[in-house]
Amino acid sequence: MVVKVYGPDYGSPKRVLVCLIEKGVEFETVPIDLFKGEHKAPEFLKLQPFGSVPVVQDGDYTLFVAQVEAQNFHPPIFDLVLKIVFGPLMGLTPDPKLLQESEDKLCKVLDVYEERLSKSKYLAGDFVSLADLSHLPFTQYLVGKMGKENLIRDRKNVCTCQKNSKNCCGSQSSIAHNDIGKKINTVVCEKSERTHLTELVPYEDKLRKVLDVYEERLSKSKYLAGDFFSLADLSHLPFTQYLVGKMGKEYLVRDRKNVSAWWDDISSRPSWKKVVELWPGLY
């Protein structure tokens, strides 16, 4: 059965498309118009409870990307950790109402996880992945000093997954590279909302700092993870394409010799050229 990818015109789903083309996996795409709110329609929410793209469907199995899951999980739990664990250390007294609001948001995410984990051992399938490992640090606060272990234990499948992920973490390794995507995504969103240009400056400055780190890293290896093309590079393609395209910020790449050479290399891959040709989106 052919794999379906929902929302091909947007940045994050294009990461999935490049992966599938690189691996020679046959697929078809299903357009989702975010501007018309199709991602919030009841039928789509059955596939992706958080109402985000991409969604990947392979027969009866539906996968939504770990990054989307983490984006819903981390804001409320980070807020709880900040207020409960670190607030008192800074002499701050947390507002019970705000704590309850964050806990309620977290519970909704955990309820989605509980349903998902009734169908697979881990968040991304029957294998431990970054989707699971990225939850470990803050969940450890939750079940430890915060005294909120009940939020996990009251959900049988979430509880089992958390235990399994902890047991596997010693044998896993990865490279985290979310900063550039977050910074570019912020700039894209700000421009789409017609924010005053002076308000974009702090985001561009943050992006510059990330790219400076990349410049140093790429002076020692051809790609971000070494001398081989990997997901660490592939994941940068969609949003960097915005940067050098309609955003008019190509100089941020070209002013850095190693970053520029790296971008020319990864953006010239046949898989990415095909994606941009077939689904140009807002490029």
C-alpha atoms as a PDB file:
ATOM      1  CA  MET A   1       0.000   0.000   0.000  1.00  0.00           C
ATOM      2  CA  VAL A   2       1.255   3.505  -0.901  1.00  0.00           C
ATOM      3  CA  VAL A   3       2.325   5.825   1.916  1.00  0.00           C
ATOM      4  CA  LYS A   4       0.264   9.030   2.224  1.00  0.00           C
ATOM      5  CA  VAL A   5       1.789  12.338   3.309  1.00  0.00           C
ATOM      6  CA  TYR A   6      -0.577  15.118   4.363  1.00  0.00           C
ATOM      7  CA  GLY A   7       0.244  18.797   3.835  1.00  0.00           C
ATOM      8  CA  PRO A   8       3.026  18.628   1.203  1.00  0.00           C
ATOM      9  CA  ASP A   9       3.043  22.383   0.492  1.00  0.00           C
ATOM     10  CA  TYR A  10       4.463  23.289   3.905  1.00  0.00           C
ATOM     11  CA  GLY A  11       7.974  23.202   5.311  1.00  0.00           C
ATOM     12  CA  SER A  12       7.896  20.369   7.837  1.00  0.00           C
ATOM     13  CA  PRO A  13       6.100  17.824   5.584  1.00  0.00           C
ATOM     14  CA  LYS A  14       8.771  18.411   2.962  1.00  0.00           C
ATOM     15  CA  ARG A  15      11.286  16.822   5.333  1.00  0.00           C
ATOM     16  CA  VAL A  16       9.214  13.645   5.124  1.00  0.00           C
ATOM     17  CA  LEU A  17       8.996  13.869   1.329  1.00  0.00           C
ATOM     18  CA  VAL A  18      12.781  14.204   0.976  1.00  0.00           C
ATOM     19  CA  CYS A  19      13.310  11.172   3.214  1.00  0.00           C
ATOM     20  CA  LEU A  20      10.896   9.066   1.186  1.00  0.00           C
ATOM     21  CA  ILE A  21      12.466  10.100  -2.128  1.00  0.00           C
ATOM     22  CA  GLU A  22      15.982   9.476  -0.781  1.00  0.00           C
ATOM     23  CA  LYS A  23      14.919   5.962   0.217  1.00  0.00           C
ATOM     24  CA  GLY A  24      12.929   5.282  -2.952  1.00  0.00           C
ATOM     25  CA  VAL A  25       9.649   4.768  -1.083  1.00  0.00           C
ATOM     26  CA  GLU A  26       6.507   5.168  -3.173  1.00  0.00           C
ATOM     27  CA  PHE A  27       4.058   7.712  -1.783  1.00  0.00           C
ATOM     28  CA  GLU A  28       1.176  10.030  -2.579  1.00  0.00           C
ATOM     29  CA  THR A  29       0.298  13.409  -1.078  1.00  0.00           C
ATOM     30  CA  VAL A  30      -2.910  14.833   0.353  1.00  0.00           C
ATOM     31  CA  PRO A  31      -3.205  18.666   0.289  1.00  0.00           C
ATOM     32  CA  ILE A  32      -4.170  20.364   3.550  1.00  0.00           C
ATOM     33  CA  ASP A  33      -4.936  24.098   3.457  1.00  0.00           C
ATOM     34  CA  LEU A  34      -3.825  25.522   6.796  1.00  0.00           C
ATOM     35  CA  PHE A  35      -5.063  28.996   5.882  1.00  0.00           C
ATOM     36  CA  LYS A  36      -8.590  27.643   5.473  1.00  0.00           C
ATOM     37  CA  GLY A  37      -8.326  25.735   8.736  1.00  0.00           C
ATOM     38  CA  GLU A  38      -8.514  22.280   7.177  1.00  0.00           C
ATOM     39  CA  HIS A  39      -6.024  21.036   9.789  1.00  0.00           C
ATOM     40  CA  LYS A  40      -8.659  21.729  12.458  1.00  0.00           C
ATOM     41  CA  ALA A  41     -11.452  19.873  10.680  1.00  0.00           C
ATOM     42  CA  PRO A  42     -12.919  16.901  12.625  1.00  0.00           C
ATOM     43  CA  GLU A  43     -11.807  14.365  10.009  1.00  0.00           C
ATOM     44  CA  PHE A  44      -8.211  15.572  10.116  1.00  0.00           C
ATOM     45  CA  LEU A  45      -8.174  15.688  13.914  1.00  0.00           C
ATOM     46  CA  LYS A  46      -8.989  11.979  13.891  1.00  0.00           C
ATOM     47  CA  LEU A  47      -5.616  11.470  12.203  1.00  0.00           C
ATOM     48  CA  GLN A  48      -3.674  14.126  14.119  1.00  0.00           C
ATOM     49  CA  PRO A  49      -5.215  15.152  17.458  1.00  0.00           C
ATOM     50  CA  PHE A  50      -2.971  18.232  17.695  1.00  0.00           C
ATOM     51  CA  GLY A  51      -4.120  19.533  14.306  1.00  0.00           C
ATOM     52  CA  SER A  52      -0.653  19.889  12.762  1.00  0.00           C
ATOM     53  CA  VAL A  53       1.213  18.666   9.708  1.00  0.00           C
ATOM     54  CA  PRO A  54       2.879  16.495   8.623  1.00  0.00           C
ATOM     55  CA  VAL A  55       0.863  13.326   9.032  1.00  0.00           C
ATOM     56  CA  VAL A  56       2.107  10.116   7.445  1.00  0.00           C
ATOM     57  CA  GLN A  57      -0.299   7.255   6.815  1.00  0.00           C
ATOM     58  CA  ASP A  58       0.880   3.776   5.901  1.00  0.00           C
ATOM     59  CA  GLY A  59      -2.115   1.499   5.594  1.00  0.00           C
ATOM     60  CA  ASP A  60      -3.793   1.293   8.986  1.00  0.00           C
ATOM     61  CA  TYR A  61      -0.853   2.939  10.742  1.00  0.00           C
ATOM     62  CA  THR A  62      -0.769   6.717  11.163  1.00  0.00           C
ATOM     63  CA  LEU A  63       2.324   8.612  12.269  1.00  0.00           C
ATOM     64  CA  PHE A  64       2.567  12.252  13.211  1.00  0.00           C
ATOM     65  CA  VAL A  65       6.012  13.686  13.643  1.00  0.00           C
ATOM     66  CA  ALA A  66       7.810  13.663  16.987  1.00  0.00           C
ATOM     67  CA  GLN A  67       8.573  17.358  16.713  1.00  0.00           C
ATOM     68  CA  VAL A  68       4.841  18.129  16.695  1.00  0.00           C
ATOM     69  CA  GLU A  69       4.298  15.947  19.741  1.00  0.00           C
ATOM     70  CA  ALA A  70       7.152  17.610  21.614  1.00  0.00           C
ATOM     71  CA  GLN A  71       5.897  21.094  20.742  1.00  0.00           C
ATOM     72  CA  ASN A  72       2.638  20.292  22.508  1.00  0.00           C
ATOM     73  CA  PHE A  73       4.247  18.472  25.428  1.00  0.00           C
ATOM     74  CA  HIS A  74       7.114  20.782  26.304  1.00  0.00           C
ATOM     75  CA  PRO A  75       5.411  24.184  26.823  1.00  0.00           C
ATOM     76  CA  PRO A  76       3.115  23.089  29.688  1.00  0.00           C
ATOM     77  CA  ILE A  77       5.632  20.802  31.368  1.00  0.00           C
ATOM     78  CA  PHE A  78       8.399  23.402  31.061  1.00  0.00           C
ATOM     79  CA  ASP A  79       6.114  25.933  32.677  1.00  0.00           C
ATOM     80  CA  LEU A  80       5.376  23.536  35.536  1.00  0.00           C
ATOM     81  CA  VAL A  81       9.055  22.716  36.066  1.00  0.00           C
ATOM     82  CA  LEU A  82       9.984  26.392  36.054  1.00  0.00           C
ATOM     83  CA  LYS A  83       7.338  27.341  38.589  1.00  0.00           C
ATOM     84  CA  ILE A  84       7.457  24.307  40.892  1.00  0.00           C
ATOM     85  CA  VAL A  85      11.139  23.320  40.840  1.00  0.00           C
ATOM     86  CA  PHE A  86      13.036  26.530  40.122  1.00  0.00           C
ATOM     87  CA  GLY A  87      10.566  29.208  41.244  1.00  0.00           C
ATOM     88  CA  PRO A  88      11.084  28.600  44.971  1.00  0.00           C
ATOM     89  CA  LEU A  89      14.878  28.689  44.482  1.00  0.00           C
ATOM     90  CA  MET A  90      14.470  32.232  43.174  1.00  0.00           C
ATOM     91  CA  GLY A  91      12.112  33.221  45.966  1.00  0.00           C
ATOM     92  CA  LEU A  92       9.011  33.078  43.746  1.00  0.00           C
ATOM     93  CA  THR A  93       5.646  31.709  44.820  1.00  0.00           C
ATOM     94  CA  PRO A  94       3.739  30.024  41.981  1.00  0.00           C
ATOM     95  CA  ASP A  95       0.174  31.081  41.239  1.00  0.00           C
ATOM     96  CA  PRO A  96      -2.063  28.026  41.862  1.00  0.00           C
ATOM     97  CA  LYS A  97      -4.406  29.072  39.050  1.00  0.00           C
ATOM     98  CA  LEU A  98      -1.589  29.258  36.496  1.00  0.00           C
ATOM     99  CA  LEU A  99      -0.196  25.934  37.715  1.00  0.00           C
ATOM    100  CA  GLN A 100      -3.573  24.284  37.218  1.00  0.00           C
ATOM    101  CA  GLU A 101      -3.882  25.726  33.716  1.00  0.00           C
ATOM    102  CA  SER A 102      -0.495  24.270  32.732  1.00  0.00           C
ATOM    103  CA  GLU A 103      -1.326  20.929  34.327  1.00  0.00           C
ATOM    104  CA  ASP A 104      -4.647  20.780  32.464  1.00  0.00           C
ATOM    105  CA  LYS A 105      -2.845  21.410  29.156  1.00  0.00           C
ATOM    106  CA  LEU A 106      -0.307  18.717  29.971  1.00  0.00           C
ATOM    107  CA  CYS A 107      -3.058  16.255  30.845  1.00  0.00           C
ATOM    108  CA  LYS A 108      -4.662  16.765  27.439  1.00  0.00           C
ATOM    109  CA  VAL A 109      -1.366  15.943  25.729  1.00  0.00           C
ATOM    110  CA  LEU A 110      -0.874  12.870  27.922  1.00  0.00           C
ATOM    111  CA  ASP A 111      -4.392  11.698  27.081  1.00  0.00           C
ATOM    112  CA  VAL A 112      -3.482  11.832  23.382  1.00  0.00           C
ATOM    113  CA  TYR A 113      -0.312   9.882  24.155  1.00  0.00           C
ATOM    114  CA  GLU A 114      -2.319   7.285  26.097  1.00  0.00           C
ATOM    115  CA  GLU A 115      -4.518   6.638  23.082  1.00  0.00           C
ATOM    116  CA  ARG A 116      -1.566   6.526  20.731  1.00  0.00           C
ATOM    117  CA  LEU A 117       0.390   4.150  22.962  1.00  0.00           C
ATOM    118  CA  SER A 118      -2.546   1.740  23.007  1.00  0.00           C
ATOM    119  CA  LYS A 119      -1.602   1.004  19.380  1.00  0.00           C
ATOM    120  CA  SER A 120       2.201   0.919  19.559  1.00  0.00           C
ATOM    121  CA  LYS A 121       4.903   0.363  22.169  1.00  0.00           C
ATOM    122  CA  TYR A 122       6.502   3.774  21.621  1.00  0.00           C
ATOM    123  CA  LEU A 123       5.335   7.118  20.223  1.00  0.00           C
ATOM    124  CA  ALA A 124       6.725   6.548  16.733  1.00  0.00           C
ATOM    125  CA  GLY A 125       6.045   2.803  16.531  1.00  0.00           C
ATOM    126  CA  ASP A 126       7.356  -0.391  18.111  1.00  0.00           C
ATOM    127  CA  PHE A 127      10.884   1.003  18.418  1.00  0.00           C
ATOM    128  CA  VAL A 128      12.373   3.581  20.744  1.00  0.00           C
ATOM    129  CA  SER A 129      13.222   6.830  18.950  1.00  0.00           C
ATOM    130  CA  LEU A 130      13.905  10.521  19.530  1.00  0.00           C
ATOM    131  CA  ALA A 131      10.148  10.933  19.896  1.00  0.00           C
ATOM    132  CA  ASP A 132      10.463   9.068  23.192  1.00  0.00           C
ATOM    133  CA  LEU A 133      13.929  10.122  24.319  1.00  0.00           C
ATOM    134  CA  SER A 134      13.142  13.834  23.997  1.00  0.00           C
ATOM    135  CA  HIS A 135      10.514  13.461  26.731  1.00  0.00           C
ATOM    136  CA  LEU A 136      12.797  11.906  29.351  1.00  0.00           C
ATOM    137  CA  PRO A 137      14.400  14.941  31.083  1.00  0.00           C
ATOM    138  CA  PHE A 138      11.234  16.871  31.890  1.00  0.00           C
ATOM    139  CA  THR A 139       9.212  13.750  32.637  1.00  0.00           C
ATOM    140  CA  GLN A 140      11.868  12.871  35.202  1.00  0.00           C
ATOM    141  CA  TYR A 141      11.130  16.159  36.971  1.00  0.00           C
ATOM    142  CA  LEU A 142       7.438  15.310  36.811  1.00  0.00           C
ATOM    143  CA  VAL A 143       7.771  11.923  38.506  1.00  0.00           C
ATOM    144  CA  GLY A 144      10.482  13.164  40.887  1.00  0.00           C
ATOM    145  CA  LYS A 145      10.736  16.461  42.758  1.00  0.00           C
ATOM    146  CA  MET A 146       7.526  17.880  41.354  1.00  0.00           C
ATOM    147  CA  GLY A 147       5.426  15.159  42.981  1.00  0.00           C
ATOM    148  CA  LYS A 148       3.259  14.763  39.879  1.00  0.00           C
ATOM    149  CA  GLU A 149       3.943  11.084  39.262  1.00  0.00           C
ATOM    150  CA  ASN A 150       0.212  10.426  39.252  1.00  0.00           C
ATOM    151  CA  LEU A 151      -0.077  12.154  35.877  1.00  0.00           C
ATOM    152  CA  ILE A 152       2.006   9.329  34.415  1.00  0.00           C
ATOM    153  CA  ARG A 153       0.865   6.427  36.612  1.00  0.00           C
ATOM    154  CA  ASP A 154      -2.824   7.142  36.003  1.00  0.00           C
ATOM    155  CA  ARG A 155      -2.243   6.367  32.323  1.00  0.00           C
ATOM    156  CA  LYS A 156      -1.241   2.759  31.897  1.00  0.00           C
ATOM    157  CA  ASN A 157       0.247   3.019  28.411  1.00  0.00           C
ATOM    158  CA  VAL A 158       2.115   6.260  29.098  1.00  0.00           C
ATOM    159  CA  CYS A 159       3.542   4.726  32.272  1.00  0.00           C
ATOM    160  CA  THR A 160       4.806   1.630  30.437  1.00  0.00           C
ATOM    161  CA  CYS A 161       6.331   3.698  27.636  1.00  0.00           C
ATOM    162  CA  GLN A 162       8.147   5.951  30.097  1.00  0.00           C
ATOM    163  CA  LYS A 163       9.695   2.952  31.853  1.00  0.00           C
ATOM    164  CA  ASN A 164      10.744   1.341  28.561  1.00  0.00           C
ATOM    165  CA  SER A 165      12.269   4.585  27.260  1.00  0.00           C
ATOM    166  CA  LYS A 166      14.314   5.059  30.434  1.00  0.00           C
ATOM    167  CA  ASN A 167      15.648   1.514  30.153  1.00  0.00           C
ATOM    168  CA  CYS A 168      16.717   2.097  26.542  1.00  0.00           C
ATOM    169  CA  CYS A 169      18.291   5.520  26.887  1.00  0.00           C
ATOM    170  CA  GLY A 170      21.737   4.233  27.742  1.00  0.00           C
ATOM    171  CA  SER A 171      22.185   2.698  24.294  1.00  0.00           C
ATOM    172  CA  GLN A 172      20.891   5.643  22.249  1.00  0.00           C
ATOM    173  CA  SER A 173      22.798   8.577  20.789  1.00  0.00           C
ATOM    174  CA  SER A 174      21.712  11.483  18.595  1.00  0.00           C
ATOM    175  CA  ILE A 175      22.479  14.972  17.352  1.00  0.00           C
ATOM    176  CA  ALA A 176      19.970  17.658  18.220  1.00  0.00           C
ATOM    177  CA  HIS A 177      19.584  20.420  15.697  1.00  0.00           C
ATOM    178  CA  ASN A 178      16.270  22.169  16.351  1.00  0.00           C
ATOM    179  CA  ASP A 179      17.614  25.709  16.836  1.00  0.00           C
ATOM    180  CA  ILE A 180      17.900  26.762  13.201  1.00  0.00           C
ATOM    181  CA  GLY A 181      14.451  25.422  12.335  1.00  0.00           C
ATOM    182  CA  LYS A 182      12.893  27.212  15.295  1.00  0.00           C
ATOM    183  CA  LYS A 183      14.586  30.511  14.505  1.00  0.00           C
ATOM    184  CA  ILE A 184      13.735  30.448  10.776  1.00  0.00           C
ATOM    185  CA  ASN A 185      10.209  29.272  11.501  1.00  0.00           C
ATOM    186  CA  THR A 186       9.765  32.187  13.913  1.00  0.00           C
ATOM    187  CA  VAL A 187      10.908  34.664  11.289  1.00  0.00           C
ATOM    188  CA  VAL A 188       8.597  33.124   8.662  1.00  0.00           C
ATOM    189  CA  CYS A 189       5.628  33.311  11.019  1.00  0.00           C
ATOM    190  CA  GLU A 190       6.435  36.857  12.072  1.00  0.00           C
ATOM    191  CA  LYS A 191       6.653  38.035   8.468  1.00  0.00           C
ATOM    192  CA  SER A 192       3.411  36.287   7.562  1.00  0.00           C
ATOM    193  CA  GLU A 193       1.720  38.221  10.355  1.00  0.00           C
ATOM    194  CA  ARG A 194       3.234  41.495   9.016  1.00  0.00           C
ATOM    195  CA  THR A 195       5.153  42.175  12.198  1.00  0.00           C
ATOM    196  CA  HIS A 196       7.127  45.431  12.178  1.00  0.00           C
ATOM    197  CA  LEU A 197      10.616  44.807  10.797  1.00  0.00           C
ATOM    198  CA  THR A 198      12.348  46.050  13.931  1.00  0.00           C
ATOM    199  CA  GLU A 199      10.735  43.216  15.863  1.00  0.00           C
ATOM    200  CA  LEU A 200      12.410  40.678  13.547  1.00  0.00           C
ATOM    201  CA  VAL A 201      15.919  41.796  14.464  1.00  0.00           C
ATOM    202  CA  PRO A 202      16.222  39.753  17.701  1.00  0.00           C
ATOM    203  CA  TYR A 203      15.234  36.573  15.843  1.00  0.00           C
ATOM    204  CA  GLU A 204      17.724  37.227  13.072  1.00  0.00           C
ATOM    205  CA  ASP A 205      20.450  37.830  15.660  1.00  0.00           C
ATOM    206  CA  LYS A 206      19.657  34.480  17.279  1.00  0.00           C
ATOM    207  CA  LEU A 207      19.791  32.787  13.902  1.00  0.00           C
ATOM    208  CA  ARG A 208      23.158  34.383  13.178  1.00  0.00           C
ATOM    209  CA  LYS A 209      24.556  32.856  16.363  1.00  0.00           C
ATOM    210  CA  VAL A 210      23.343  29.409  15.354  1.00  0.00           C
ATOM    211  CA  LEU A 211      24.828  29.788  11.886  1.00  0.00           C
ATOM    212  CA  ASP A 212      28.137  30.894  13.402  1.00  0.00           C
ATOM    213  CA  VAL A 213      28.232  27.636  15.353  1.00  0.00           C
ATOM    214  CA  TYR A 214      27.482  25.761  12.132  1.00  0.00           C
ATOM    215  CA  GLU A 215      30.266  27.647  10.338  1.00  0.00           C
ATOM    216  CA  GLU A 216      32.775  26.425  12.898  1.00  0.00           C
ATOM    217  CA  ARG A 217      31.390  22.890  12.852  1.00  0.00           C
ATOM    218  CA  LEU A 218      31.453  22.706   9.049  1.00  0.00           C
ATOM    219  CA  SER A 219      35.103  23.775   9.003  1.00  0.00           C
ATOM    220  CA  LYS A 220      35.848  20.321  10.420  1.00  0.00           C
ATOM    221  CA  SER A 221      33.439  18.107   8.483  1.00  0.00           C
ATOM    222  CA  LYS A 222      31.544  18.193   5.197  1.00  0.00           C
ATOM    223  CA  TYR A 223      28.167  17.770   6.868  1.00  0.00           C
ATOM    224  CA  LEU A 224      26.766  18.534  10.310  1.00  0.00           C
ATOM    225  CA  ALA A 225      27.080  14.992  11.661  1.00  0.00           C
ATOM    226  CA  GLY A 226      30.330  14.112   9.893  1.00  0.00           C
ATOM    227  CA  ASP A 227      31.471  13.433   6.344  1.00  0.00           C
ATOM    228  CA  PHE A 228      28.153  11.869   5.370  1.00  0.00           C
ATOM    229  CA  PHE A 229      24.737  13.318   4.541  1.00  0.00           C
ATOM    230  CA  SER A 230      22.220  12.594   7.315  1.00  0.00           C
ATOM    231  CA  LEU A 231      18.945  13.707   8.876  1.00  0.00           C
ATOM    232  CA  ALA A 232      20.928  16.426  10.646  1.00  0.00           C
ATOM    233  CA  ASP A 233      21.351  18.051   7.213  1.00  0.00           C
ATOM    234  CA  LEU A 234      18.123  16.980   5.556  1.00  0.00           C
ATOM    235  CA  SER A 235      15.966  18.514   8.288  1.00  0.00           C
ATOM    236  CA  HIS A 236      17.346  21.977   7.458  1.00  0.00           C
ATOM    237  CA  LEU A 237      16.312  21.971   3.797  1.00  0.00           C
ATOM    238  CA  PRO A 238      12.721  23.333   3.912  1.00  0.00           C
ATOM    239  CA  PHE A 239      13.222  26.324   6.191  1.00  0.00           C
ATOM    240  CA  THR A 240      16.635  27.286   4.813  1.00  0.00           C
ATOM    241  CA  GLN A 241      14.977  27.346   1.392  1.00  0.00           C
ATOM    242  CA  TYR A 242      12.621  29.996   2.755  1.00  0.00           C
ATOM    243  CA  LEU A 243      15.637  31.895   4.057  1.00  0.00           C
ATOM    244  CA  VAL A 244      17.514  32.047   0.741  1.00  0.00           C
ATOM    245  CA  GLY A 245      14.307  32.480  -1.282  1.00  0.00           C
ATOM    246  CA  LYS A 246      11.359  34.782  -0.702  1.00  0.00           C
ATOM    247  CA  MET A 247      12.585  35.966   2.677  1.00  0.00           C
ATOM    248  CA  GLY A 248      15.531  37.694   1.009  1.00  0.00           C
ATOM    249  CA  LYS A 249      17.975  36.583   3.722  1.00  0.00           C
ATOM    250  CA  GLU A 250      20.399  34.617   1.539  1.00  0.00           C
ATOM    251  CA  TYR A 251      23.296  36.715   2.824  1.00  0.00           C
ATOM    252  CA  LEU A 252      22.984  34.946   6.190  1.00  0.00           C
ATOM    253  CA  VAL A 253      24.120  31.790   4.408  1.00  0.00           C
ATOM    254  CA  ARG A 254      26.481  33.350   1.830  1.00  0.00           C
ATOM    255  CA  ASP A 255      28.412  35.378   4.411  1.00  0.00           C
ATOM    256  CA  ARG A 256      29.613  32.097   5.935  1.00  0.00           C
ATOM    257  CA  LYS A 257      31.885  30.181   3.568  1.00  0.00           C
ATOM    258  CA  ASN A 258      31.394  26.728   5.076  1.00  0.00           C
ATOM    259  CA  VAL A 259      27.654  27.133   5.608  1.00  0.00           C
ATOM    260  CA  SER A 260      27.326  28.384   2.026  1.00  0.00           C
ATOM    261  CA  ALA A 261      29.195  25.374   0.601  1.00  0.00           C
ATOM    262  CA  TRP A 262      27.135  23.038   2.793  1.00  0.00           C
ATOM    263  CA  TRP A 263      23.871  24.612   1.622  1.00  0.00           C
ATOM    264  CA  ASP A 264      24.874  24.382  -2.052  1.00  0.00           C
ATOM    265  CA  ASP A 265      25.686  20.715  -1.519  1.00  0.00           C
ATOM    266  CA  ILE A 266      22.525  19.612   0.283  1.00  0.00           C
ATOM    267  CA  SER A 267      20.126  21.786  -1.741  1.00  0.00           C
ATOM    268  CA  SER A 268      21.478  20.340  -4.995  1.00  0.00           C
ATOM    269  CA  ARG A 269      20.533  16.793  -4.077  1.00  0.00           C
ATOM    270  CA  PRO A 270      18.084  15.324  -6.643  1.00  0.00           C
ATOM    271  CA  SER A 271      15.593  14.498  -3.893  1.00  0.00           C
ATOM    272  CA  TRP A 272      15.304  18.119  -2.751  1.00  0.00           C
ATOM    273  CA  LYS A 273      15.188  19.468  -6.313  1.00  0.00           C
ATOM    274  CA  LYS A 274      12.283  17.152  -7.027  1.00  0.00           C
ATOM    275  CA  VAL A 275      10.416  18.242  -3.885  1.00  0.00           C
ATOM    276  CA  VAL A 276      10.776  21.953  -4.716  1.00  0.00           C
ATOM    277  CA  GLU A 277       9.743  21.337  -8.318  1.00  0.00           C
ATOM    278  CA  LEU A 278       6.602  19.358  -7.445  1.00  0.00           C
ATOM    279  CA  TRP A 279       5.546  21.234  -4.272  1.00  0.00           C
ATOM    280  CA  PRO A 280       6.965  24.775  -4.497  1.00  0.00           C
ATOM    281  CA  GLY A 281       4.718  25.992  -1.677  1.00  0.00           C
ATOM    282  CA  LEU A 282       5.752  29.491  -0.581  1.00  0.00           C
ATOM    283  CA  TYR A 283       9.318  29.239  -1.915  1.00  0.00           C
END
